[in-house]
Amino acid sequence: MLSKIPARVSAVVVPLIAMAVLAGPVVAVPTGSAGGGDDGAGLEWMPTAECVQRSVPLGPEESRLRRPEAAELIEGGGFDRLVRSFVAELCAAQDYPSALEGATAAAGRLWRHAVDRAQGRTPSGALSASDDRPLYWARLAEVASIQQWTPSFALSPSQRADLVATIDRVGRGQDAIAYSTHRPAARRVLVTGFDPFKLDTDLRNGNPSGAAALALDGRVIETEYGRLEFAAAIFPVRWRDFGAGMVERALRPWLADGPDRVDLFATVSVGGPGKFDLEQTNGAWRGGKVDNESACYLGQIPNTAAAAGTEPQWTRSTLPLPEMAAAVPGPFPVNVRTTTDIAPPFFPPLPVITHCGLPNLPAVPTPDGPPPDAIARAGGGGTYLSNEIAYRATLLRDVSGSAIPGGHIHVPILEGLPEFGLTGPEFDGNRDAIIAQLTDLLVAAAGSSRAG
């Protein structure tokens, strides 16, 4: 039988009212707008301390913390005490090494709390245990505190940036990928998800791929195909991190052909409404969409695992896609997507464009995948970071000479968010159903590729 995660459908609807989060009152504002005011304004709910100057400007992603929903989500997941503790430790740091040690430990506590609540080992707070949003906002609150910190010692800009990068990396579980069971006692499965995004459309958005990563990290599942052990991590919705090699740093040890390699991997993101899409082909192209830092990028994917000048235009999934689509019943249909977009013949090379308001480029759809020597304009998974993480992960595998089955899965858009409030039974139930069906897909993939 295929594994099922029990549905944890919460009937709690958290009203958008003032809540006592961390410190200070919260004032409700309408949902669905980006909020106003200068960076740093409206952060009265954040933990106060003499070493943190809340008037210091923040970037586009951190400045969304001014909205009261951020406070409610942190509180609703039981992360408020962890953020308070981190700020107190930050103020007590006497030098950079102690600050780095504290940031590493605090980010690890965020990740572990998120995984433990998702898997029922710790109280989940007012929000559903499977809700991924509290982790995102708690981690962002710790990043903002570092950015606004005035230490008692000299701190260089690069050291401050390293502290932020530590929270970003460790707080998404990227340094915690590990397996406790050795082969052949268990087969290793690696899964990645993403942060929430489209937050200027609705700050309450979540990402079921990130929720699935929390639900699966460290789980051991007995199946008809044998024992499977899962490890998982989350990645940001930001172009700059991918260009800086975050994916390669986190995944290379597990995708290279060697003793630590996994037996199967799947990069996961949210796709269209009402269905799973199994992506056959990934393209080396960014389509210019706005990320969580309000940044845009149009052009060839930079800094891949291949040697400069040898990057392929396409990589392919080696998951058993037809078998997965046929094997897994569930509330959502499962589709194998083979379509890609290619550049028109004789179209001139394009410079990279990093400003927003980008032109629409001509592209030619190819329903059965790209022909030889075609230039990528979209993979099966599009031109955003879902396509890019799939491209980077499969390229890591390919350049190492490994034959690990792996590829990308698009889960359905998480629907059911009510007009008012942070959550509702339909929203939580849909998230749990997506996680359960994704788990079954991964079990089916492991079973169909067990000889790999």
Protein backbone atom coordinates (compact mmCIF):
# COMPACT_ATOMS: atom_id res chain seq x y z
CA MET A 1 0.00 0.00 0.00
CA LEU A 2 1.13 3.52 -0.65
CA SER A 3 1.88 5.73 2.32
CA LYS A 4 -0.64 8.32 3.50
CA ILE A 5 -0.05 11.30 5.77
CA PRO A 6 -3.11 11.72 8.00
CA ALA A 7 -4.99 14.91 7.26
CA ARG A 8 -4.72 17.47 10.01
CA VAL A 9 -7.51 19.80 9.06
CA SER A 10 -7.65 22.69 11.46
CA ALA A 11 -10.99 24.36 11.99
CA VAL A 12 -9.29 27.31 13.63
CA VAL A 13 -9.71 30.58 11.81
CA VAL A 14 -7.27 33.15 13.16
CA PRO A 15 -8.93 36.56 12.97
CA LEU A 16 -7.04 39.55 11.71
CA ILE A 17 -7.10 41.39 14.98
CA ALA A 18 -4.43 42.71 17.28
CA MET A 19 -2.49 39.87 18.88
CA ALA A 20 0.13 40.05 21.58
CA VAL A 21 3.13 38.91 19.55
CA LEU A 22 6.65 39.21 20.91
CA ALA A 23 6.23 42.75 22.22
CA GLY A 24 3.80 45.59 21.62
CA PRO A 25 0.36 45.73 20.01
CA VAL A 26 -0.56 44.72 16.49
CA VAL A 27 -2.96 46.82 14.45
CA ALA A 28 -4.98 45.06 11.75
CA VAL A 29 -4.82 46.32 8.18
CA PRO A 30 -6.56 45.04 5.04
CA THR A 31 -4.98 42.03 3.39
CA GLY A 32 -3.65 41.94 -0.15
CA SER A 33 -1.53 45.11 -0.21
CA ALA A 34 2.16 45.64 0.28
CA GLY A 35 1.81 48.05 3.17
CA GLY A 36 3.04 51.60 3.36
CA GLY A 37 5.53 53.74 5.18
CA ASP A 38 9.31 53.88 5.22
CA ASP A 39 11.44 50.79 5.69
CA GLY A 40 11.66 50.03 9.39
CA ALA A 41 8.38 51.75 10.22
CA GLY A 42 5.52 49.69 11.65
CA LEU A 43 7.79 47.12 13.32
CA GLU A 44 6.61 47.91 16.84
CA TRP A 45 5.56 44.29 17.34
CA MET A 46 9.15 43.08 16.85
CA PRO A 47 11.12 42.29 20.03
CA THR A 48 12.67 45.48 21.39
CA ALA A 49 16.23 45.71 22.66
CA GLU A 50 18.82 48.46 23.00
CA CYS A 51 21.11 46.76 20.51
CA VAL A 52 18.49 46.68 17.72
CA GLN A 53 17.51 49.91 15.99
CA ARG A 54 14.16 49.32 14.34
CA SER A 55 14.44 52.60 12.42
CA VAL A 56 17.26 51.21 10.25
CA PRO A 57 15.93 50.72 6.68
CA LEU A 58 15.25 47.20 5.49
CA GLY A 59 15.12 45.62 2.04
CA PRO A 60 11.93 44.78 0.13
CA GLU A 61 11.56 41.29 1.60
CA GLU A 62 12.26 42.25 5.23
CA SER A 63 10.13 45.39 5.08
CA ARG A 64 7.01 43.25 4.69
CA LEU A 65 7.45 42.45 8.39
CA ARG A 66 5.72 45.75 9.09
CA ARG A 67 2.40 44.07 8.27
CA PRO A 68 0.49 42.63 11.24
CA GLU A 69 -0.12 39.33 9.47
CA ALA A 70 3.62 38.60 9.83
CA ALA A 71 3.34 38.88 13.59
CA GLU A 72 0.23 36.72 13.69
CA LEU A 73 1.85 33.99 11.61
CA ILE A 74 4.94 33.89 13.83
CA GLU A 75 2.78 33.69 16.93
CA GLY A 76 0.41 31.19 15.36
CA GLY A 77 3.25 28.73 14.78
CA GLY A 78 4.80 29.15 18.22
CA PHE A 79 7.97 30.81 16.88
CA ASP A 80 7.69 34.06 18.89
CA ARG A 81 9.74 32.77 21.82
CA LEU A 82 12.50 31.64 19.46
CA VAL A 83 12.73 35.09 17.87
CA ARG A 84 12.78 36.78 21.29
CA SER A 85 15.52 34.44 22.46
CA PHE A 86 17.60 35.13 19.36
CA VAL A 87 17.43 38.91 19.82
CA ALA A 88 18.52 38.55 23.46
CA GLU A 89 21.47 36.37 22.41
CA LEU A 90 22.39 38.84 19.69
CA CYS A 91 22.60 41.68 22.21
CA ALA A 92 24.75 39.56 24.51
CA ALA A 93 27.31 38.67 21.80
CA GLN A 94 30.75 40.06 22.62
CA ASP A 95 32.48 39.38 19.31
CA TYR A 96 31.86 38.12 15.79
CA PRO A 97 32.62 34.42 16.49
CA SER A 98 30.09 34.32 19.31
CA ALA A 99 27.52 36.11 17.16
CA LEU A 100 28.07 33.60 14.34
CA GLU A 101 27.77 30.68 16.73
CA GLY A 102 24.55 32.13 18.12
CA ALA A 103 23.07 32.80 14.68
CA THR A 104 23.86 29.24 13.56
CA ALA A 105 22.26 27.74 16.66
CA ALA A 106 19.20 30.01 16.47
CA ALA A 107 18.58 29.23 12.79
CA GLY A 108 18.90 25.53 13.53
CA ARG A 109 16.30 25.85 16.26
CA LEU A 110 13.90 27.50 13.80
CA TRP A 111 14.27 24.63 11.34
CA ARG A 112 13.97 21.93 13.96
CA HIS A 113 10.89 23.55 15.52
CA ALA A 114 9.26 23.80 12.08
CA VAL A 115 9.95 20.13 11.29
CA ASP A 116 8.88 18.95 14.74
CA ARG A 117 5.58 20.83 14.61
CA ALA A 118 4.89 19.62 11.06
CA GLN A 119 5.39 16.02 12.20
CA GLY A 120 3.46 16.32 15.45
CA ARG A 121 6.36 16.20 17.91
CA THR A 122 5.75 19.64 19.36
CA PRO A 123 2.62 21.77 19.81
CA SER A 124 1.78 23.55 16.59
CA GLY A 125 0.20 26.68 18.02
CA ALA A 126 -3.04 28.14 16.69
CA LEU A 127 -2.17 27.35 13.08
CA SER A 128 -2.23 23.95 11.41
CA ALA A 129 0.85 21.83 12.05
CA SER A 130 1.49 21.58 8.31
CA ASP A 131 1.54 25.37 7.79
CA ASP A 132 4.89 26.47 6.35
CA ARG A 133 4.33 30.22 6.73
CA PRO A 134 5.40 30.69 10.39
CA LEU A 135 8.93 29.46 9.63
CA TYR A 136 9.31 31.90 6.74
CA TRP A 137 8.29 34.95 8.77
CA ALA A 138 10.22 33.95 11.91
CA ARG A 139 13.39 33.50 9.86
CA LEU A 140 12.82 36.86 8.21
CA ALA A 141 12.39 38.47 11.63
CA GLU A 142 15.79 37.13 12.69
CA VAL A 143 17.37 38.39 9.47
CA ALA A 144 15.86 41.84 10.04
CA SER A 145 17.24 41.89 13.58
CA ILE A 146 20.75 41.24 12.28
CA GLN A 147 20.37 43.96 9.68
CA GLN A 148 19.27 46.43 12.36
CA TRP A 149 21.71 45.29 15.04
CA THR A 150 24.19 47.75 16.59
CA PRO A 151 26.78 45.48 18.25
CA SER A 152 29.10 46.48 21.07
CA PHE A 153 32.13 45.66 18.87
CA ALA A 154 33.27 46.46 15.35
CA LEU A 155 31.35 44.44 12.75
CA SER A 156 32.30 44.67 9.09
CA PRO A 157 29.66 44.68 6.33
CA SER A 158 30.90 41.30 5.12
CA GLN A 159 30.56 39.82 8.61
CA ARG A 160 27.01 41.13 8.91
CA ALA A 161 26.23 39.65 5.49
CA ASP A 162 27.68 36.31 6.62
CA LEU A 163 25.39 36.31 9.66
CA VAL A 164 22.38 36.94 7.44
CA ALA A 165 23.51 34.22 5.03
CA THR A 166 23.84 31.80 7.95
CA ILE A 167 20.26 32.41 9.06
CA ASP A 168 19.09 32.09 5.45
CA ARG A 169 20.90 28.81 4.86
CA VAL A 170 20.61 27.02 8.21
CA GLY A 171 17.06 28.23 8.81
CA ARG A 172 15.95 26.47 5.62
CA GLY A 173 17.52 23.15 6.58
CA GLN A 174 20.18 23.24 3.88
CA ASP A 175 22.98 22.39 6.33
CA ALA A 176 20.90 19.74 8.10
CA ILE A 177 20.45 17.32 5.18
CA ALA A 178 21.42 13.95 6.64
CA TYR A 179 20.45 10.30 6.74
CA SER A 180 20.54 8.10 9.82
CA THR A 181 20.00 4.79 8.04
CA HIS A 182 22.60 3.36 5.69
CA ARG A 183 21.96 1.48 2.47
CA PRO A 184 20.75 -1.16 1.85
CA ALA A 185 18.63 -0.96 5.02
CA ALA A 186 16.85 2.09 3.59
CA ARG A 187 16.80 3.95 0.29
CA ARG A 188 17.53 7.66 0.52
CA VAL A 189 15.17 10.23 -0.96
CA LEU A 190 16.03 13.95 -1.14
CA VAL A 191 13.27 16.56 -1.53
CA THR A 192 13.45 20.34 -1.87
CA GLY A 193 10.70 22.96 -1.53
CA PHE A 194 10.36 26.74 -1.69
CA ASP A 195 9.45 29.71 0.47
CA PRO A 196 6.09 31.46 0.08
CA PHE A 197 6.01 34.00 -2.75
CA LYS A 198 3.70 36.50 -4.49
CA LEU A 199 3.52 38.21 -1.12
CA ASP A 200 2.65 41.61 -2.56
CA THR A 201 -0.47 40.01 -3.99
CA ASP A 202 -1.42 38.45 -0.64
CA LEU A 203 0.90 38.45 2.34
CA ARG A 204 -0.86 35.34 3.65
CA ASN A 205 0.34 33.13 0.79
CA GLY A 206 1.99 29.85 1.68
CA ASN A 207 3.83 27.30 -0.42
CA PRO A 208 2.80 23.64 -0.20
CA SER A 209 6.20 22.57 -1.53
CA GLY A 210 7.84 24.09 1.55
CA ALA A 211 5.18 22.53 3.75
CA ALA A 212 5.94 19.15 2.16
CA ALA A 213 9.66 19.55 2.88
CA LEU A 214 8.88 20.13 6.57
CA ALA A 215 6.50 17.17 6.67
CA LEU A 216 9.05 14.81 5.08
CA ASP A 217 12.43 15.80 6.54
CA GLY A 218 13.83 12.89 8.54
CA ARG A 219 10.81 10.64 8.02
CA VAL A 220 11.27 6.91 7.54
CA ILE A 221 8.42 5.20 5.71
CA GLU A 222 7.93 1.46 5.37
CA THR A 223 6.50 0.69 1.94
CA GLU A 224 5.85 -2.37 -0.18
CA TYR A 225 9.11 -1.46 -1.95
CA GLY A 226 11.14 -1.38 1.27
CA ARG A 227 12.12 1.31 3.73
CA LEU A 228 12.55 4.90 2.52
CA GLU A 229 14.29 7.65 4.47
CA PHE A 230 13.62 11.26 3.47
CA ALA A 231 15.71 14.39 3.91
CA ALA A 232 14.52 17.81 2.81
CA ALA A 233 15.45 21.48 2.57
CA ILE A 234 13.80 24.72 1.45
CA PHE A 235 15.13 27.37 -0.94
CA PRO A 236 14.37 31.10 -1.22
CA VAL A 237 12.43 32.68 -4.06
CA ARG A 238 15.33 34.99 -4.93
CA TRP A 239 17.41 35.15 -8.09
CA ARG A 240 20.59 36.24 -6.31
CA ASP A 241 20.90 33.14 -4.13
CA PHE A 242 20.67 30.84 -7.13
CA GLY A 243 23.24 32.87 -9.03
CA ALA A 244 25.56 32.68 -6.02
CA GLY A 245 25.50 28.87 -6.09
CA MET A 246 23.21 28.12 -3.13
CA VAL A 247 21.67 25.10 -4.86
CA GLU A 248 25.04 23.59 -5.78
CA ARG A 249 26.44 24.17 -2.29
CA ALA A 250 23.54 22.40 -0.61
CA LEU A 251 22.91 19.54 -3.04
CA ARG A 252 26.29 18.64 -4.57
CA PRO A 253 27.33 16.22 -1.77
CA TRP A 254 24.13 14.21 -2.25
CA LEU A 255 23.84 14.18 -6.04
CA ALA A 256 27.43 13.36 -6.94
CA ASP A 257 28.26 9.75 -7.66
CA GLY A 258 29.85 8.56 -4.43
CA PRO A 259 29.15 6.96 -1.04
CA ASP A 260 26.89 9.81 0.15
CA ARG A 261 24.69 9.95 -2.92
CA VAL A 262 20.94 9.60 -2.54
CA ASP A 263 18.85 7.01 -4.34
CA LEU A 264 16.25 9.45 -5.68
CA PHE A 265 15.66 13.20 -5.60
CA ALA A 266 12.81 15.54 -6.45
CA THR A 267 12.81 19.31 -6.57
CA VAL A 268 9.30 20.52 -5.82
CA SER A 269 7.46 23.80 -6.31
CA VAL A 270 3.92 25.09 -6.71
CA GLY A 271 2.51 25.09 -10.23
CA GLY A 272 -1.00 25.46 -11.63
CA PRO A 273 -4.41 24.96 -10.02
CA GLY A 274 -5.87 21.55 -9.35
CA LYS A 275 -3.17 19.21 -10.69
CA PHE A 276 0.32 17.80 -10.32
CA ASP A 277 2.72 18.31 -13.23
CA LEU A 278 5.73 16.03 -13.66
CA GLU A 279 8.25 18.01 -15.71
CA GLN A 280 10.23 16.15 -18.37
CA THR A 281 12.69 18.85 -19.50
CA ASN A 282 14.40 21.83 -17.86
CA GLY A 283 15.71 24.83 -19.78
CA ALA A 284 18.69 27.11 -19.13
CA TRP A 285 16.65 30.30 -19.23
CA ARG A 286 15.30 32.86 -16.78
CA GLY A 287 12.14 34.62 -17.89
CA GLY A 288 12.38 37.83 -15.86
CA LYS A 289 9.66 37.31 -13.23
CA VAL A 290 9.76 39.34 -10.03
CA ASP A 291 11.20 37.52 -7.01
CA ASN A 292 10.67 38.07 -3.28
CA GLU A 293 13.18 40.94 -3.29
CA SER A 294 11.31 42.70 -6.10
CA ALA A 295 14.22 41.86 -8.42
CA CYS A 296 13.97 40.65 -12.03
CA TYR A 297 16.33 38.70 -14.30
CA LEU A 298 15.94 37.88 -17.98
CA GLY A 299 18.58 35.75 -19.66
CA GLN A 300 20.69 32.62 -19.52
CA ILE A 301 20.89 30.87 -16.14
CA PRO A 302 24.26 31.91 -14.62
CA ASN A 303 26.88 30.03 -12.61
CA THR A 304 25.83 26.43 -13.13
CA ALA A 305 27.67 23.27 -12.13
CA ALA A 306 29.18 22.77 -15.59
CA ALA A 307 32.42 24.37 -16.71
CA ALA A 308 32.01 27.87 -18.16
CA GLY A 309 30.95 27.71 -21.78
CA THR A 310 29.83 24.08 -21.62
CA GLU A 311 26.45 24.54 -19.96
CA PRO A 312 23.77 22.61 -21.84
CA GLN A 313 20.58 24.32 -22.94
CA TRP A 314 18.50 21.44 -21.57
CA THR A 315 18.52 18.78 -18.88
CA ARG A 316 15.99 16.00 -18.39
CA SER A 317 14.15 14.32 -15.58
CA THR A 318 15.09 10.70 -14.96
CA LEU A 319 12.16 10.04 -12.65
CA PRO A 320 9.83 7.25 -13.87
CA LEU A 321 7.22 9.79 -14.97
CA PRO A 322 4.66 7.55 -16.74
CA GLU A 323 4.73 5.03 -13.90
CA MET A 324 4.27 7.79 -11.31
CA ALA A 325 1.32 9.30 -13.18
CA ALA A 326 -0.35 5.92 -13.52
CA ALA A 327 0.31 4.59 -10.03
CA VAL A 328 -0.99 7.27 -7.69
CA PRO A 329 -4.69 7.86 -7.10
CA GLY A 330 -5.67 11.00 -5.24
CA PRO A 331 -7.76 14.13 -5.29
CA PHE A 332 -5.55 15.78 -7.93
CA PRO A 333 -4.83 14.46 -11.45
CA VAL A 334 -1.17 13.84 -12.30
CA ASN A 335 0.10 15.04 -15.68
CA VAL A 336 3.43 14.40 -17.44
CA ARG A 337 4.39 17.67 -19.11
CA THR A 338 6.66 17.43 -22.14
CA THR A 339 6.19 20.90 -23.69
CA THR A 340 9.09 23.36 -23.87
CA ASP A 341 9.65 26.71 -25.56
CA ILE A 342 12.60 27.38 -27.85
CA ALA A 343 14.03 30.53 -29.40
CA PRO A 344 12.91 31.21 -32.97
CA PRO A 345 15.47 30.25 -35.64
CA PHE A 346 18.15 32.88 -36.28
CA PHE A 347 17.03 34.92 -33.28
CA PRO A 348 20.01 37.02 -32.14
CA PRO A 349 21.62 36.41 -28.71
CA LEU A 350 20.19 38.58 -25.96
CA PRO A 351 22.00 40.51 -23.22
CA VAL A 352 21.05 39.82 -19.62
CA ILE A 353 18.40 42.26 -18.36
CA THR A 354 18.02 42.77 -14.60
CA HIS A 355 15.52 45.60 -14.45
CA CYS A 356 11.79 44.96 -14.25
CA GLY A 357 9.26 45.83 -16.93
CA LEU A 358 10.81 43.38 -19.36
CA PRO A 359 9.82 42.78 -22.99
CA ASN A 360 7.87 39.75 -24.16
CA LEU A 361 10.23 37.62 -26.20
CA PRO A 362 9.13 35.48 -29.14
CA ALA A 363 9.24 31.74 -28.47
CA VAL A 364 8.20 28.61 -30.30
CA PRO A 365 6.34 25.89 -28.34
CA THR A 366 7.60 22.35 -28.86
CA PRO A 367 5.01 19.88 -27.48
CA ASP A 368 7.33 16.87 -27.42
CA GLY A 369 10.40 18.56 -26.00
CA PRO A 370 13.22 20.51 -27.65
CA PRO A 371 14.83 19.44 -30.93
CA PRO A 372 18.62 19.05 -31.06
CA ASP A 373 20.60 22.28 -30.74
CA ALA A 374 17.52 24.33 -29.80
CA ILE A 375 18.02 27.41 -27.62
CA ALA A 376 15.94 27.39 -24.44
CA ARG A 377 13.20 29.93 -23.80
CA ALA A 378 11.26 27.84 -21.25
CA GLY A 379 11.55 24.43 -19.69
CA GLY A 380 8.53 22.29 -19.04
CA GLY A 381 8.32 23.99 -15.67
CA GLY A 382 8.48 27.50 -17.12
CA THR A 383 11.15 30.17 -16.71
CA TYR A 384 11.08 30.86 -12.98
CA LEU A 385 13.04 29.39 -10.07
CA SER A 386 11.16 26.08 -10.16
CA ASN A 387 12.61 25.41 -13.60
CA GLU A 388 15.98 26.70 -12.43
CA ILE A 389 16.33 24.48 -9.37
CA ALA A 390 15.38 21.50 -11.54
CA TYR A 391 17.97 22.51 -14.14
CA ARG A 392 20.70 22.99 -11.55
CA ALA A 393 19.98 19.78 -9.63
CA THR A 394 19.80 17.57 -12.72
CA LEU A 395 22.94 19.20 -14.12
CA LEU A 396 24.77 18.47 -10.85
CA ARG A 397 23.80 14.85 -11.30
CA ASP A 398 24.78 14.76 -14.96
CA VAL A 399 28.23 16.36 -14.63
CA SER A 400 29.11 13.99 -11.78
CA GLY A 401 28.34 10.97 -13.94
CA SER A 402 25.67 9.78 -11.54
CA ALA A 403 22.56 7.92 -12.68
CA ILE A 404 20.34 8.95 -9.75
CA PRO A 405 16.65 9.13 -10.72
CA GLY A 406 15.57 12.75 -10.22
CA GLY A 407 13.55 15.61 -11.59
CA HIS A 408 10.92 18.22 -10.84
CA ILE A 409 7.37 17.96 -9.53
CA HIS A 410 4.92 20.87 -9.62
CA VAL A 411 2.26 20.54 -6.93
CA PRO A 412 -1.13 22.26 -7.21
CA ILE A 413 -1.63 25.86 -6.15
CA LEU A 414 -2.82 25.93 -2.54
CA GLU A 415 -6.41 27.14 -2.77
CA GLY A 416 -9.05 27.85 -0.14
CA LEU A 417 -7.63 30.88 1.66
CA PRO A 418 -10.62 32.81 3.04
CA GLU A 419 -11.21 36.48 2.34
CA PHE A 420 -10.46 37.35 5.95
CA GLY A 421 -8.24 35.66 8.50
CA LEU A 422 -5.02 33.74 8.17
CA THR A 423 -6.42 30.30 7.48
CA GLY A 424 -9.48 28.10 7.23
CA PRO A 425 -10.47 24.43 7.04
CA GLU A 426 -10.41 24.28 3.23
CA PHE A 427 -6.98 25.94 3.02
CA ASP A 428 -5.47 23.61 5.63
CA GLY A 429 -7.18 20.54 4.21
CA ASN A 430 -5.91 21.24 0.70
CA ARG A 431 -2.36 21.61 1.99
CA ASP A 432 -2.56 18.27 3.79
CA ALA A 433 -4.01 16.59 0.70
CA ILE A 434 -1.17 17.94 -1.48
CA ILE A 435 1.46 16.71 0.98
CA ALA A 436 -0.15 13.25 1.17
CA GLN A 437 -0.39 12.82 -2.61
CA LEU A 438 3.15 14.12 -3.16
CA THR A 439 4.42 11.58 -0.64
CA ASP A 440 2.65 8.82 -2.53
CA LEU A 441 4.18 10.03 -5.79
CA LEU A 442 7.65 9.87 -4.27
CA VAL A 443 6.99 6.38 -2.89
CA ALA A 444 5.81 5.29 -6.34
CA ALA A 445 8.91 6.84 -7.92
CA ALA A 446 11.17 4.97 -5.51
CA GLY A 447 9.35 1.74 -6.20
CA SER A 448 9.45 2.11 -9.98
CA SER A 449 13.16 3.01 -9.98
CA ARG A 450 14.33 0.65 -7.22
CA ALA A 451 16.75 -1.03 -9.60
CA GLY A 452 18.47 2.32 -10.30
